[in-house]
Amino acid sequence: MRTLTDALAALGGVASSSSLRQAGVSRRNIEAGVLDASIQRVARGVYALPDAAPWRIHAGRYYAVPGCVTAAAEAGLWVVRAPHLPHLAARHGRPIVGCVVHRSNIPLTSLDIVCQALRCLPPLEALTIAESAVKKGLVQLPALRERFPALREKSILGLVARIRPQSGSIIETMARYLLEDAGLTVELQVNIPGMGHLDLLVDGMLGIETDGYAHHSTRSAYREDRRRWNVTVVRGVPTLRVTFEMLLSQPGEFVRMVHQALATCRSAR
């Protein structure tokens, strides 16, 4: 049987009594945990482990839970950058010092988290979260569209329309967004005979391959990467390699590099 502290740890270190009971912990065990100091009561009906993150305890005192980008990161969605302040969700929606608060029903669904991100974050950062949630099957596109009335939130619906579940990584999504915003045509996961699937193909002539650190963590992965690179050369598809760091810190330079490469491709034809 799951212990009280195990259940609380699985819930992030801070949780309501109702969440704990849903996790199989009895009210009697909760009260016993308070008495023996294995947990602490931080607000009426809200409990925390002694070593829980201070911001979580702070949120619990105001009956708030992780929301928006903070909840997205905890769910393993594609988050471009960690927020400066924790984003929380609370039924009351009142300000909480040191936090960004989203008014919402609790508990949050994956759809709630994505909608908060789409309304709160810059477009690129919102898109990566939404696209990864759809890719993972946590959110369905029709349900997402229904949450944004077209007349009031047309720009968000436009962003939702740019979601491509076939995207292979956050780097692909970021690169595609930047290139599409620059007016270029971008195809995803294009099959190159003998190579496999190219991450992105720009204007039908320039390949983009995204480099993630984990991808080259083994010698065999490194060899396969070089084989794929050689095939693109043989097939006449010049290919640029881009990293997350470049897209995050030098997006303008990335777009300029692609335009220069396309100009070279066109002049060679």
C-alpha atoms as a PDB file:
ATOM      1  CA  MET A   1       0.000   0.000   0.000  1.00  0.00           C
ATOM      2  CA  ARG A   2       1.275   3.496  -0.855  1.00  0.00           C
ATOM      3  CA  THR A   3       2.364   5.427   2.216  1.00  0.00           C
ATOM      4  CA  LEU A   4       1.245   8.935   3.039  1.00  0.00           C
ATOM      5  CA  THR A   5       4.640  10.461   2.239  1.00  0.00           C
ATOM      6  CA  ASP A   6       4.927   8.486  -1.019  1.00  0.00           C
ATOM      7  CA  ALA A   7       1.512   9.710  -2.110  1.00  0.00           C
ATOM      8  CA  LEU A   8       2.344  13.291  -1.208  1.00  0.00           C
ATOM      9  CA  ALA A   9       5.683  13.096  -3.024  1.00  0.00           C
ATOM     10  CA  ALA A  10       3.926  11.789  -6.149  1.00  0.00           C
ATOM     11  CA  LEU A  11       1.643  14.831  -5.987  1.00  0.00           C
ATOM     12  CA  GLY A  12       4.583  17.230  -5.968  1.00  0.00           C
ATOM     13  CA  GLY A  13       5.092  17.486  -2.212  1.00  0.00           C
ATOM     14  CA  VAL A  14       1.993  19.617  -1.566  1.00  0.00           C
ATOM     15  CA  ALA A  15      -1.606  18.474  -1.996  1.00  0.00           C
ATOM     16  CA  SER A  16      -5.143  18.873  -0.746  1.00  0.00           C
ATOM     17  CA  SER A  17      -6.768  16.296   1.482  1.00  0.00           C
ATOM     18  CA  SER A  18      -9.167  15.387  -1.332  1.00  0.00           C
ATOM     19  CA  SER A  19      -6.234  14.681  -3.682  1.00  0.00           C
ATOM     20  CA  LEU A  20      -4.585  12.544  -1.030  1.00  0.00           C
ATOM     21  CA  ARG A  21      -7.777  10.570  -0.433  1.00  0.00           C
ATOM     22  CA  GLN A  22      -8.096   9.990  -4.181  1.00  0.00           C
ATOM     23  CA  ALA A  23      -4.548   8.644  -4.045  1.00  0.00           C
ATOM     24  CA  GLY A  24      -5.664   6.085  -1.447  1.00  0.00           C
ATOM     25  CA  VAL A  25      -4.668   7.847   1.780  1.00  0.00           C
ATOM     26  CA  SER A  26      -7.245   7.851   4.555  1.00  0.00           C
ATOM     27  CA  ARG A  27      -8.160  10.908   6.617  1.00  0.00           C
ATOM     28  CA  ARG A  28      -6.901   9.039   9.674  1.00  0.00           C
ATOM     29  CA  ASN A  29      -3.459   8.569   8.098  1.00  0.00           C
ATOM     30  CA  ILE A  30      -3.323  12.244   7.176  1.00  0.00           C
ATOM     31  CA  GLU A  31      -4.018  13.296  10.760  1.00  0.00           C
ATOM     32  CA  ALA A  32      -1.472  10.794  12.034  1.00  0.00           C
ATOM     33  CA  GLY A  33       1.125  12.252   9.670  1.00  0.00           C
ATOM     34  CA  VAL A  34       0.523  15.732  11.040  1.00  0.00           C
ATOM     35  CA  LEU A  35       0.869  14.465  14.618  1.00  0.00           C
ATOM     36  CA  ASP A  36       4.162  12.681  13.995  1.00  0.00           C
ATOM     37  CA  ALA A  37       5.470  15.624  11.869  1.00  0.00           C
ATOM     38  CA  SER A  38       6.069  13.511   8.766  1.00  0.00           C
ATOM     39  CA  ILE A  39       3.867  16.068   6.997  1.00  0.00           C
ATOM     40  CA  GLN A  40       2.698  19.562   7.850  1.00  0.00           C
ATOM     41  CA  ARG A  41      -0.619  21.330   7.454  1.00  0.00           C
ATOM     42  CA  VAL A  42       0.031  24.547   5.483  1.00  0.00           C
ATOM     43  CA  ALA A  43      -3.613  25.611   5.148  1.00  0.00           C
ATOM     44  CA  ARG A  44      -6.972  24.140   5.973  1.00  0.00           C
ATOM     45  CA  GLY A  45      -7.159  20.894   4.023  1.00  0.00           C
ATOM     46  CA  VAL A  46      -3.717  21.364   2.402  1.00  0.00           C
ATOM     47  CA  TYR A  47      -0.649  19.350   3.415  1.00  0.00           C
ATOM     48  CA  ALA A  48       3.044  19.358   2.544  1.00  0.00           C
ATOM     49  CA  LEU A  49       6.185  17.346   3.028  1.00  0.00           C
ATOM     50  CA  PRO A  50       8.727  19.151   5.239  1.00  0.00           C
ATOM     51  CA  ASP A  51      11.208  19.340   2.354  1.00  0.00           C
ATOM     52  CA  ALA A  52       8.696  20.445  -0.309  1.00  0.00           C
ATOM     53  CA  ALA A  53       9.792  23.307  -2.552  1.00  0.00           C
ATOM     54  CA  PRO A  54       9.148  26.629  -0.774  1.00  0.00           C
ATOM     55  CA  TRP A  55       7.206  28.020  -3.741  1.00  0.00           C
ATOM     56  CA  ARG A  56       4.891  25.006  -3.631  1.00  0.00           C
ATOM     57  CA  ILE A  57       4.221  25.510   0.066  1.00  0.00           C
ATOM     58  CA  HIS A  58       3.630  29.202  -0.624  1.00  0.00           C
ATOM     59  CA  ALA A  59       1.142  28.255  -3.356  1.00  0.00           C
ATOM     60  CA  GLY A  60      -0.569  25.728  -1.104  1.00  0.00           C
ATOM     61  CA  ARG A  61      -1.208  28.366   1.542  1.00  0.00           C
ATOM     62  CA  TYR A  62      -3.271  30.227  -1.077  1.00  0.00           C
ATOM     63  CA  TYR A  63      -5.033  27.111  -2.387  1.00  0.00           C
ATOM     64  CA  ALA A  64      -3.199  27.307  -5.690  1.00  0.00           C
ATOM     65  CA  VAL A  65      -1.525  24.629  -7.828  1.00  0.00           C
ATOM     66  CA  PRO A  66       1.047  24.737 -10.653  1.00  0.00           C
ATOM     67  CA  GLY A  67      -0.504  26.116 -13.837  1.00  0.00           C
ATOM     68  CA  CYS A  68       0.344  27.269 -17.350  1.00  0.00           C
ATOM     69  CA  VAL A  69       4.040  26.939 -18.253  1.00  0.00           C
ATOM     70  CA  THR A  70       4.993  25.643 -14.774  1.00  0.00           C
ATOM     71  CA  ALA A  71       2.488  22.805 -15.028  1.00  0.00           C
ATOM     72  CA  ALA A  72       3.496  22.170 -18.644  1.00  0.00           C
ATOM     73  CA  ALA A  73       7.125  21.659 -17.625  1.00  0.00           C
ATOM     74  CA  GLU A  74       6.084  19.232 -14.890  1.00  0.00           C
ATOM     75  CA  ALA A  75       3.997  17.308 -17.437  1.00  0.00           C
ATOM     76  CA  GLY A  76       7.020  16.890 -19.705  1.00  0.00           C
ATOM     77  CA  LEU A  77       5.706  19.177 -22.440  1.00  0.00           C
ATOM     78  CA  TRP A  78       8.027  21.208 -24.666  1.00  0.00           C
ATOM     79  CA  VAL A  79       8.893  24.353 -22.708  1.00  0.00           C
ATOM     80  CA  VAL A  80      11.201  26.839 -24.417  1.00  0.00           C
ATOM     81  CA  ARG A  81      12.309  28.594 -21.222  1.00  0.00           C
ATOM     82  CA  ALA A  82      11.557  28.361 -17.527  1.00  0.00           C
ATOM     83  CA  PRO A  83       9.482  31.313 -16.278  1.00  0.00           C
ATOM     84  CA  HIS A  84      11.011  33.885 -13.937  1.00  0.00           C
ATOM     85  CA  LEU A  85       8.081  33.389 -11.548  1.00  0.00           C
ATOM     86  CA  PRO A  86       6.024  30.227 -10.908  1.00  0.00           C
ATOM     87  CA  HIS A  87       2.736  30.180 -12.786  1.00  0.00           C
ATOM     88  CA  LEU A  88      -0.139  28.997 -10.604  1.00  0.00           C
ATOM     89  CA  ALA A  89      -3.823  28.247 -11.038  1.00  0.00           C
ATOM     90  CA  ALA A  90      -6.451  28.975  -8.398  1.00  0.00           C
ATOM     91  CA  ARG A  91     -10.228  29.136  -8.315  1.00  0.00           C
ATOM     92  CA  HIS A  92     -10.134  32.545  -6.657  1.00  0.00           C
ATOM     93  CA  GLY A  93      -7.758  34.080  -9.226  1.00  0.00           C
ATOM     94  CA  ARG A  94      -6.443  36.579  -6.706  1.00  0.00           C
ATOM     95  CA  PRO A  95      -2.829  37.822  -6.881  1.00  0.00           C
ATOM     96  CA  ILE A  96      -0.222  35.837  -4.966  1.00  0.00           C
ATOM     97  CA  VAL A  97       3.064  37.553  -4.168  1.00  0.00           C
ATOM     98  CA  GLY A  98       5.945  36.224  -6.266  1.00  0.00           C
ATOM     99  CA  CYS A  99       3.711  34.252  -8.625  1.00  0.00           C
ATOM    100  CA  VAL A 100       1.645  34.604 -11.801  1.00  0.00           C
ATOM    101  CA  VAL A 101      -1.910  33.470 -11.087  1.00  0.00           C
ATOM    102  CA  HIS A 102      -4.407  32.050 -13.582  1.00  0.00           C
ATOM    103  CA  ARG A 103      -8.038  31.810 -12.537  1.00  0.00           C
ATOM    104  CA  SER A 104      -9.203  28.278 -13.189  1.00  0.00           C
ATOM    105  CA  ASN A 105     -11.113  25.311 -11.885  1.00  0.00           C
ATOM    106  CA  ILE A 106      -9.023  22.783  -9.962  1.00  0.00           C
ATOM    107  CA  PRO A 107      -7.770  20.155 -10.655  1.00  0.00           C
ATOM    108  CA  LEU A 108      -6.393  21.239 -14.000  1.00  0.00           C
ATOM    109  CA  THR A 109      -6.698  19.093 -17.097  1.00  0.00           C
ATOM    110  CA  SER A 110      -4.060  18.991 -19.831  1.00  0.00           C
ATOM    111  CA  LEU A 111      -6.453  21.038 -21.948  1.00  0.00           C
ATOM    112  CA  ASP A 112      -6.645  23.700 -19.209  1.00  0.00           C
ATOM    113  CA  ILE A 113      -2.853  23.916 -19.045  1.00  0.00           C
ATOM    114  CA  VAL A 114      -2.500  24.308 -22.813  1.00  0.00           C
ATOM    115  CA  CYS A 115      -5.227  26.970 -22.971  1.00  0.00           C
ATOM    116  CA  GLN A 116      -3.545  28.935 -20.198  1.00  0.00           C
ATOM    117  CA  ALA A 117      -0.249  28.798 -22.084  1.00  0.00           C
ATOM    118  CA  LEU A 118      -1.852  29.926 -25.343  1.00  0.00           C
ATOM    119  CA  ARG A 119      -3.429  32.923 -23.629  1.00  0.00           C
ATOM    120  CA  CYS A 120      -0.411  33.825 -21.492  1.00  0.00           C
ATOM    121  CA  LEU A 121       2.858  33.147 -23.322  1.00  0.00           C
ATOM    122  CA  PRO A 122       4.513  34.592 -26.433  1.00  0.00           C
ATOM    123  CA  PRO A 123       3.306  32.711 -29.552  1.00  0.00           C
ATOM    124  CA  LEU A 124       6.384  30.550 -30.094  1.00  0.00           C
ATOM    125  CA  GLU A 125       6.525  29.445 -26.466  1.00  0.00           C
ATOM    126  CA  ALA A 126       2.804  28.730 -26.431  1.00  0.00           C
ATOM    127  CA  LEU A 127       2.995  26.757 -29.691  1.00  0.00           C
ATOM    128  CA  THR A 128       5.680  24.370 -28.448  1.00  0.00           C
ATOM    129  CA  ILE A 129       3.598  23.499 -25.388  1.00  0.00           C
ATOM    130  CA  ALA A 130       0.377  23.050 -27.368  1.00  0.00           C
ATOM    131  CA  GLU A 131       2.036  21.062 -30.144  1.00  0.00           C
ATOM    132  CA  SER A 132       3.715  18.658 -27.729  1.00  0.00           C
ATOM    133  CA  ALA A 133       0.451  18.118 -25.832  1.00  0.00           C
ATOM    134  CA  VAL A 134      -1.320  17.218 -29.074  1.00  0.00           C
ATOM    135  CA  LYS A 135       1.592  15.031 -30.184  1.00  0.00           C
ATOM    136  CA  LYS A 136       1.527  13.116 -26.887  1.00  0.00           C
ATOM    137  CA  GLY A 137      -2.228  12.578 -27.166  1.00  0.00           C
ATOM    138  CA  LEU A 138      -2.957  14.614 -24.033  1.00  0.00           C
ATOM    139  CA  VAL A 139      -5.088  17.123 -25.943  1.00  0.00           C
ATOM    140  CA  GLN A 140      -7.265  16.695 -29.033  1.00  0.00           C
ATOM    141  CA  LEU A 141      -7.218  19.451 -31.650  1.00  0.00           C
ATOM    142  CA  PRO A 142     -11.027  19.706 -32.020  1.00  0.00           C
ATOM    143  CA  ALA A 143     -11.409  20.194 -28.262  1.00  0.00           C
ATOM    144  CA  LEU A 144      -8.671  22.809 -28.297  1.00  0.00           C
ATOM    145  CA  ARG A 145     -10.318  24.773 -31.104  1.00  0.00           C
ATOM    146  CA  GLU A 146     -13.621  24.813 -29.236  1.00  0.00           C
ATOM    147  CA  ARG A 147     -12.045  26.627 -26.284  1.00  0.00           C
ATOM    148  CA  PHE A 148     -11.335  29.777 -28.321  1.00  0.00           C
ATOM    149  CA  PRO A 149     -14.345  31.637 -29.771  1.00  0.00           C
ATOM    150  CA  ALA A 150     -13.210  32.856 -33.187  1.00  0.00           C
ATOM    151  CA  LEU A 151     -14.368  36.475 -32.829  1.00  0.00           C
ATOM    152  CA  ARG A 152     -12.726  37.065 -29.457  1.00  0.00           C
ATOM    153  CA  GLU A 153      -9.519  35.084 -29.802  1.00  0.00           C
ATOM    154  CA  LYS A 154      -8.825  34.915 -33.521  1.00  0.00           C
ATOM    155  CA  SER A 155      -5.051  35.199 -33.072  1.00  0.00           C
ATOM    156  CA  ILE A 156      -4.974  32.184 -30.758  1.00  0.00           C
ATOM    157  CA  LEU A 157      -7.052  30.148 -33.200  1.00  0.00           C
ATOM    158  CA  GLY A 158      -4.507  31.085 -35.856  1.00  0.00           C
ATOM    159  CA  LEU A 159      -1.746  29.715 -33.640  1.00  0.00           C
ATOM    160  CA  VAL A 160      -3.718  26.525 -32.978  1.00  0.00           C
ATOM    161  CA  ALA A 161      -4.041  26.102 -36.748  1.00  0.00           C
ATOM    162  CA  ARG A 162      -0.241  25.969 -36.949  1.00  0.00           C
ATOM    163  CA  ILE A 163       0.019  22.894 -34.707  1.00  0.00           C
ATOM    164  CA  ARG A 164       1.653  19.951 -36.505  1.00  0.00           C
ATOM    165  CA  PRO A 165       1.575  16.754 -34.404  1.00  0.00           C
ATOM    166  CA  GLN A 166       4.159  15.121 -36.688  1.00  0.00           C
ATOM    167  CA  SER A 167       6.855  17.496 -35.428  1.00  0.00           C
ATOM    168  CA  GLY A 168       9.685  15.443 -33.962  1.00  0.00           C
ATOM    169  CA  SER A 169      11.073  17.800 -31.329  1.00  0.00           C
ATOM    170  CA  ILE A 170      10.895  21.222 -29.754  1.00  0.00           C
ATOM    171  CA  ILE A 171      13.782  22.316 -32.000  1.00  0.00           C
ATOM    172  CA  GLU A 172      11.810  21.383 -35.126  1.00  0.00           C
ATOM    173  CA  THR A 173       8.788  23.300 -33.894  1.00  0.00           C
ATOM    174  CA  MET A 174      10.840  26.386 -33.098  1.00  0.00           C
ATOM    175  CA  ALA A 175      12.660  26.323 -36.437  1.00  0.00           C
ATOM    176  CA  ARG A 176       9.435  25.821 -38.383  1.00  0.00           C
ATOM    177  CA  TYR A 177       7.709  28.684 -36.573  1.00  0.00           C
ATOM    178  CA  LEU A 178      10.563  31.108 -37.258  1.00  0.00           C
ATOM    179  CA  LEU A 179      10.814  30.159 -40.927  1.00  0.00           C
ATOM    180  CA  GLU A 180       7.068  30.302 -41.534  1.00  0.00           C
ATOM    181  CA  ASP A 181       6.966  33.719 -39.901  1.00  0.00           C
ATOM    182  CA  ALA A 182       9.657  34.757 -42.392  1.00  0.00           C
ATOM    183  CA  GLY A 183       7.320  33.780 -45.232  1.00  0.00           C
ATOM    184  CA  LEU A 184       9.049  30.530 -46.178  1.00  0.00           C
ATOM    185  CA  THR A 185       7.365  27.225 -47.026  1.00  0.00           C
ATOM    186  CA  VAL A 186       8.336  24.467 -44.624  1.00  0.00           C
ATOM    187  CA  GLU A 187       7.628  20.742 -44.986  1.00  0.00           C
ATOM    188  CA  LEU A 188       8.056  18.350 -42.052  1.00  0.00           C
ATOM    189  CA  GLN A 189       9.548  14.876 -41.962  1.00  0.00           C
ATOM    190  CA  VAL A 190      10.247  14.686 -45.700  1.00  0.00           C
ATOM    191  CA  ASN A 191      11.365  11.264 -46.927  1.00  0.00           C
ATOM    192  CA  ILE A 192      14.786  11.241 -48.611  1.00  0.00           C
ATOM    193  CA  PRO A 193      15.524   7.872 -50.294  1.00  0.00           C
ATOM    194  CA  GLY A 194      18.348   6.081 -48.532  1.00  0.00           C
ATOM    195  CA  MET A 195      18.391   8.572 -45.672  1.00  0.00           C
ATOM    196  CA  GLY A 196      15.031   8.380 -43.973  1.00  0.00           C
ATOM    197  CA  HIS A 197      13.108  11.452 -42.939  1.00  0.00           C
ATOM    198  CA  LEU A 198      14.613  14.916 -43.122  1.00  0.00           C
ATOM    199  CA  ASP A 199      13.430  17.064 -40.222  1.00  0.00           C
ATOM    200  CA  LEU A 200      12.462  20.071 -42.345  1.00  0.00           C
ATOM    201  CA  LEU A 201      12.580  20.981 -46.035  1.00  0.00           C
ATOM    202  CA  VAL A 202      12.463  24.703 -46.822  1.00  0.00           C
ATOM    203  CA  ASP A 203      11.049  25.946 -50.145  1.00  0.00           C
ATOM    204  CA  GLY A 204      11.508  22.450 -51.548  1.00  0.00           C
ATOM    205  CA  MET A 205      15.280  22.742 -51.765  1.00  0.00           C
ATOM    206  CA  LEU A 206      17.033  23.289 -48.432  1.00  0.00           C
ATOM    207  CA  GLY A 207      17.142  20.733 -45.650  1.00  0.00           C
ATOM    208  CA  ILE A 208      17.180  21.535 -41.952  1.00  0.00           C
ATOM    209  CA  GLU A 209      18.317  18.943 -39.434  1.00  0.00           C
ATOM    210  CA  THR A 210      17.946  19.680 -35.738  1.00  0.00           C
ATOM    211  CA  ASP A 211      20.743  18.788 -33.345  1.00  0.00           C
ATOM    212  CA  GLY A 212      19.828  17.797 -29.816  1.00  0.00           C
ATOM    213  CA  TYR A 213      22.548  16.874 -27.321  1.00  0.00           C
ATOM    214  CA  ALA A 214      20.905  13.582 -26.376  1.00  0.00           C
ATOM    215  CA  HIS A 215      20.770  12.495 -30.012  1.00  0.00           C
ATOM    216  CA  HIS A 216      24.553  12.074 -30.099  1.00  0.00           C
ATOM    217  CA  SER A 217      24.922  10.359 -26.751  1.00  0.00           C
ATOM    218  CA  THR A 218      26.173   7.099 -28.303  1.00  0.00           C
ATOM    219  CA  ARG A 219      28.794   6.242 -30.895  1.00  0.00           C
ATOM    220  CA  SER A 220      26.225   4.454 -33.073  1.00  0.00           C
ATOM    221  CA  ALA A 221      23.972   7.537 -33.057  1.00  0.00           C
ATOM    222  CA  TYR A 222      26.930   9.650 -34.115  1.00  0.00           C
ATOM    223  CA  ARG A 223      27.734   7.295 -37.027  1.00  0.00           C
ATOM    224  CA  GLU A 224      24.105   7.210 -38.168  1.00  0.00           C
ATOM    225  CA  ASP A 225      23.969  10.978 -38.060  1.00  0.00           C
ATOM    226  CA  ARG A 226      26.988  11.257 -40.340  1.00  0.00           C
ATOM    227  CA  ARG A 227      25.574   8.648 -42.739  1.00  0.00           C
ATOM    228  CA  ARG A 228      22.362  10.629 -43.050  1.00  0.00           C
ATOM    229  CA  TRP A 229      24.335  13.811 -43.645  1.00  0.00           C
ATOM    230  CA  ASN A 230      26.303  12.172 -46.484  1.00  0.00           C
ATOM    231  CA  VAL A 231      23.126  10.941 -48.167  1.00  0.00           C
ATOM    232  CA  THR A 232      21.670  14.452 -48.287  1.00  0.00           C
ATOM    233  CA  VAL A 233      24.820  15.626 -50.087  1.00  0.00           C
ATOM    234  CA  VAL A 234      24.650  12.764 -52.582  1.00  0.00           C
ATOM    235  CA  ARG A 235      20.948  13.423 -53.189  1.00  0.00           C
ATOM    236  CA  GLY A 236      21.586  17.101 -53.820  1.00  0.00           C
ATOM    237  CA  VAL A 237      19.752  18.397 -50.771  1.00  0.00           C
ATOM    238  CA  PRO A 238      22.072  20.862 -49.002  1.00  0.00           C
ATOM    239  CA  THR A 239      21.306  20.693 -45.308  1.00  0.00           C
ATOM    240  CA  LEU A 240      21.887  23.055 -42.408  1.00  0.00           C
ATOM    241  CA  ARG A 241      22.288  21.853 -38.831  1.00  0.00           C
ATOM    242  CA  VAL A 242      20.705  23.932 -36.074  1.00  0.00           C
ATOM    243  CA  THR A 243      20.635  23.698 -32.294  1.00  0.00           C
ATOM    244  CA  PHE A 244      18.156  24.698 -29.624  1.00  0.00           C
ATOM    245  CA  GLU A 245      20.612  27.279 -28.306  1.00  0.00           C
ATOM    246  CA  MET A 246      20.878  28.985 -31.682  1.00  0.00           C
ATOM    247  CA  LEU A 247      17.132  29.192 -32.154  1.00  0.00           C
ATOM    248  CA  LEU A 248      16.647  30.519 -28.635  1.00  0.00           C
ATOM    249  CA  SER A 249      19.401  33.136 -28.556  1.00  0.00           C
ATOM    250  CA  GLN A 250      19.908  33.986 -32.251  1.00  0.00           C
ATOM    251  CA  PRO A 251      16.593  33.503 -34.087  1.00  0.00           C
ATOM    252  CA  GLY A 252      17.280  36.386 -36.471  1.00  0.00           C
ATOM    253  CA  GLU A 253      20.691  34.987 -37.365  1.00  0.00           C
ATOM    254  CA  PHE A 254      19.109  31.579 -38.036  1.00  0.00           C
ATOM    255  CA  VAL A 255      16.573  33.067 -40.460  1.00  0.00           C
ATOM    256  CA  ARG A 256      19.269  35.117 -42.218  1.00  0.00           C
ATOM    257  CA  MET A 257      21.413  31.990 -42.596  1.00  0.00           C
ATOM    258  CA  VAL A 258      18.520  30.113 -44.187  1.00  0.00           C
ATOM    259  CA  HIS A 259      17.827  32.972 -46.611  1.00  0.00           C
ATOM    260  CA  GLN A 260      21.506  33.055 -47.601  1.00  0.00           C
ATOM    261  CA  ALA A 261      21.566  29.284 -48.114  1.00  0.00           C
ATOM    262  CA  LEU A 262      18.410  29.444 -50.246  1.00  0.00           C
ATOM    263  CA  ALA A 263      19.948  32.172 -52.378  1.00  0.00           C
ATOM    264  CA  THR A 264      23.011  29.979 -52.942  1.00  0.00           C
ATOM    265  CA  CYS A 265      20.765  27.015 -53.870  1.00  0.00           C
ATOM    266  CA  ARG A 266      18.835  29.083 -56.408  1.00  0.00           C
ATOM    267  CA  SER A 267      21.959  30.508 -58.024  1.00  0.00           C
ATOM    268  CA  ALA A 268      23.382  27.000 -58.432  1.00  0.00           C
ATOM    269  CA  ARG A 269      20.355  25.789 -60.379  1.00  0.00           C
END
